[in-house]
Amino acid sequence: MELLGVIVGLESLQQPYKLMILSDSSYVVNAFQQHWVESWLAHNWKTAGKKPVKNADLWKRLLQALDGHTAEFRWVKGHNGHEFNERCDELATRAADDTLHHIQDEGFGAL
């Protein structure tokens, strides 16, 4: 869900920005700080173990949403009193409870 949160936030921007994206998701942050995304792109969306990248549809959507922006990703400890992280948790909880306006992961299919 953190990945989709970053995507929706980026897609809401109307012009290019220099961004610092704070996240308590090591999955999201490490993908950029440890250059996983670059490796996935270079290896046709395969991991170092030659397996398909999980959530590749969302990673591609995130990269498209990042286009035109300059972004730095930083990890913050979750549920630890970080002002912005606590606010994001509050907004995410409220959005999850909103049955009228669910955000769709279009790459997700029913079983």
C-alpha atoms as a PDB file:
ATOM      1  CA  MET A   1       0.000   0.000   0.000  1.00  0.00           C
ATOM      2  CA  GLU A   2       2.919   2.373   0.635  1.00  0.00           C
ATOM      3  CA  LEU A   3       3.941   2.057  -2.993  1.00  0.00           C
ATOM      4  CA  LEU A   4       0.482   3.059  -4.175  1.00  0.00           C
ATOM      5  CA  GLY A   5       0.486   5.966  -1.716  1.00  0.00           C
ATOM      6  CA  VAL A   6       3.646   7.393  -3.289  1.00  0.00           C
ATOM      7  CA  ILE A   7       2.170   6.934  -6.753  1.00  0.00           C
ATOM      8  CA  VAL A   8      -1.101   8.694  -5.954  1.00  0.00           C
ATOM      9  CA  GLY A   9       0.764  11.552  -4.297  1.00  0.00           C
ATOM     10  CA  LEU A  10       3.015  12.003  -7.327  1.00  0.00           C
ATOM     11  CA  GLU A  11       0.124  11.761  -9.772  1.00  0.00           C
ATOM     12  CA  SER A  12      -1.624  14.613  -7.989  1.00  0.00           C
ATOM     13  CA  LEU A  13       1.193  17.063  -8.780  1.00  0.00           C
ATOM     14  CA  GLN A  14       0.405  19.551 -11.536  1.00  0.00           C
ATOM     15  CA  GLN A  15       3.945  20.717 -12.322  1.00  0.00           C
ATOM     16  CA  PRO A  16       7.522  19.470 -11.871  1.00  0.00           C
ATOM     17  CA  TYR A  17       8.965  19.652  -8.360  1.00  0.00           C
ATOM     18  CA  LYS A  18      12.139  18.860  -6.495  1.00  0.00           C
ATOM     19  CA  LEU A  19      10.889  16.302  -3.957  1.00  0.00           C
ATOM     20  CA  MET A  20      12.040  14.615  -0.803  1.00  0.00           C
ATOM     21  CA  ILE A  21       9.874  11.544  -0.345  1.00  0.00           C
ATOM     22  CA  LEU A  22       9.838  10.264   3.225  1.00  0.00           C
ATOM     23  CA  SER A  23       8.585   6.733   3.781  1.00  0.00           C
ATOM     24  CA  ASP A  24       8.607   4.111   6.507  1.00  0.00           C
ATOM     25  CA  SER A  25       8.653   1.487   3.754  1.00  0.00           C
ATOM     26  CA  SER A  26      12.153   0.118   3.300  1.00  0.00           C
ATOM     27  CA  TYR A  27      10.798  -1.602   0.168  1.00  0.00           C
ATOM     28  CA  VAL A  28      10.055   1.750  -1.479  1.00  0.00           C
ATOM     29  CA  VAL A  29      13.130   3.586  -0.204  1.00  0.00           C
ATOM     30  CA  ASN A  30      15.627   0.794  -0.893  1.00  0.00           C
ATOM     31  CA  ALA A  31      14.359   0.401  -4.441  1.00  0.00           C
ATOM     32  CA  PHE A  32      15.843   3.836  -5.138  1.00  0.00           C
ATOM     33  CA  GLN A  33      18.659   4.162  -2.601  1.00  0.00           C
ATOM     34  CA  GLN A  34      20.089   0.745  -3.468  1.00  0.00           C
ATOM     35  CA  HIS A  35      19.395   1.163  -7.208  1.00  0.00           C
ATOM     36  CA  TRP A  36      17.071  -1.830  -7.460  1.00  0.00           C
ATOM     37  CA  VAL A  37      14.859   0.054  -9.917  1.00  0.00           C
ATOM     38  CA  GLU A  38      17.799   0.688 -12.240  1.00  0.00           C
ATOM     39  CA  SER A  39      18.702  -2.996 -12.118  1.00  0.00           C
ATOM     40  CA  TRP A  40      15.105  -4.072 -12.765  1.00  0.00           C
ATOM     41  CA  LEU A  41      14.949  -1.792 -15.792  1.00  0.00           C
ATOM     42  CA  ALA A  42      18.267  -3.093 -17.123  1.00  0.00           C
ATOM     43  CA  HIS A  43      17.137  -6.705 -16.682  1.00  0.00           C
ATOM     44  CA  ASN A  44      13.637  -6.395 -18.167  1.00  0.00           C
ATOM     45  CA  TRP A  45      11.873  -6.312 -14.797  1.00  0.00           C
ATOM     46  CA  LYS A  46      13.620  -9.374 -13.399  1.00  0.00           C
ATOM     47  CA  THR A  47      15.293  -9.624  -9.994  1.00  0.00           C
ATOM     48  CA  ALA A  48      18.896 -10.659  -9.444  1.00  0.00           C
ATOM     49  CA  GLY A  49      17.458 -14.162  -8.962  1.00  0.00           C
ATOM     50  CA  LYS A  50      15.900 -13.992 -12.461  1.00  0.00           C
ATOM     51  CA  LYS A  51      12.363 -13.873 -11.063  1.00  0.00           C
ATOM     52  CA  PRO A  52       9.748 -11.301 -12.114  1.00  0.00           C
ATOM     53  CA  VAL A  53       9.764  -8.150  -9.985  1.00  0.00           C
ATOM     54  CA  LYS A  54       6.797  -8.097  -7.628  1.00  0.00           C
ATOM     55  CA  ASN A  55       4.417  -5.201  -8.265  1.00  0.00           C
ATOM     56  CA  ALA A  56       6.148  -4.379 -11.564  1.00  0.00           C
ATOM     57  CA  ASP A  57       2.967  -2.668 -12.770  1.00  0.00           C
ATOM     58  CA  LEU A  58       3.090  -0.311  -9.786  1.00  0.00           C
ATOM     59  CA  TRP A  59       6.825   0.331 -10.124  1.00  0.00           C
ATOM     60  CA  LYS A  60       6.299   1.264 -13.777  1.00  0.00           C
ATOM     61  CA  ARG A  61       3.445   3.559 -12.789  1.00  0.00           C
ATOM     62  CA  LEU A  62       5.628   5.148 -10.104  1.00  0.00           C
ATOM     63  CA  LEU A  63       8.440   5.771 -12.592  1.00  0.00           C
ATOM     64  CA  GLN A  64       5.977   7.374 -14.987  1.00  0.00           C
ATOM     65  CA  ALA A  65       4.645   9.566 -12.166  1.00  0.00           C
ATOM     66  CA  LEU A  66       8.218  10.574 -11.257  1.00  0.00           C
ATOM     67  CA  ASP A  67       8.942  11.713 -14.815  1.00  0.00           C
ATOM     68  CA  GLY A  68       9.769  15.415 -14.813  1.00  0.00           C
ATOM     69  CA  HIS A  69      10.421  15.543 -11.072  1.00  0.00           C
ATOM     70  CA  THR A  70      13.660  15.328  -9.137  1.00  0.00           C
ATOM     71  CA  ALA A  71      13.190  13.054  -6.151  1.00  0.00           C
ATOM     72  CA  GLU A  72      15.189  11.861  -3.188  1.00  0.00           C
ATOM     73  CA  PHE A  73      13.841   8.982  -1.107  1.00  0.00           C
ATOM     74  CA  ARG A  74      14.511   8.810   2.632  1.00  0.00           C
ATOM     75  CA  TRP A  75      13.467   6.208   5.171  1.00  0.00           C
ATOM     76  CA  VAL A  76      11.845   7.276   8.454  1.00  0.00           C
ATOM     77  CA  LYS A  77      10.888   5.002  11.307  1.00  0.00           C
ATOM     78  CA  GLY A  78       7.153   4.375  11.313  1.00  0.00           C
ATOM     79  CA  HIS A  79       4.855   4.884  14.297  1.00  0.00           C
ATOM     80  CA  ASN A  80       7.580   6.761  16.116  1.00  0.00           C
ATOM     81  CA  GLY A  81       6.148  10.258  16.391  1.00  0.00           C
ATOM     82  CA  HIS A  82       7.537  11.576  13.087  1.00  0.00           C
ATOM     83  CA  GLU A  83       5.138  14.425  12.278  1.00  0.00           C
ATOM     84  CA  PHE A  84       4.760  13.753   8.553  1.00  0.00           C
ATOM     85  CA  ASN A  85       4.678   9.973   8.920  1.00  0.00           C
ATOM     86  CA  GLU A  86       1.939  10.186  11.539  1.00  0.00           C
ATOM     87  CA  ARG A  87      -0.063  12.510   9.278  1.00  0.00           C
ATOM     88  CA  CYS A  88       0.289  10.124   6.348  1.00  0.00           C
ATOM     89  CA  ASP A  89      -0.884   7.222   8.510  1.00  0.00           C
ATOM     90  CA  GLU A  90      -3.892   9.266   9.573  1.00  0.00           C
ATOM     91  CA  LEU A  91      -4.769  10.141   5.973  1.00  0.00           C
ATOM     92  CA  ALA A  92      -4.212   6.570   4.774  1.00  0.00           C
ATOM     93  CA  THR A  93      -6.493   5.204   7.480  1.00  0.00           C
ATOM     94  CA  ARG A  94      -9.166   7.722   6.585  1.00  0.00           C
ATOM     95  CA  ALA A  95      -8.853   6.883   2.879  1.00  0.00           C
ATOM     96  CA  ALA A  96      -9.036   3.145   3.597  1.00  0.00           C
ATOM     97  CA  ASP A  97     -12.260   3.714   5.513  1.00  0.00           C
ATOM     98  CA  ASP A  98     -13.747   5.739   2.622  1.00  0.00           C
ATOM     99  CA  THR A  99     -15.826   3.189   0.724  1.00  0.00           C
ATOM    100  CA  LEU A 100     -16.859   5.693  -1.958  1.00  0.00           C
ATOM    101  CA  HIS A 101     -13.407   6.653  -3.257  1.00  0.00           C
ATOM    102  CA  HIS A 102     -11.167   3.588  -3.295  1.00  0.00           C
ATOM    103  CA  ILE A 103      -7.886   3.869  -5.184  1.00  0.00           C
ATOM    104  CA  GLN A 104      -7.546   1.088  -7.729  1.00  0.00           C
ATOM    105  CA  ASP A 105      -4.473  -1.017  -8.350  1.00  0.00           C
ATOM    106  CA  GLU A 106      -5.300  -1.737 -11.980  1.00  0.00           C
ATOM    107  CA  GLY A 107      -2.699  -4.498 -12.263  1.00  0.00           C
ATOM    108  CA  PHE A 108      -4.319  -6.512  -9.496  1.00  0.00           C
ATOM    109  CA  GLY A 109      -6.659  -9.247 -10.611  1.00  0.00           C
ATOM    110  CA  ALA A 110      -9.230 -11.255  -8.723  1.00  0.00           C
ATOM    111  CA  LEU A 111      -8.368 -14.844  -7.917  1.00  0.00           C
END
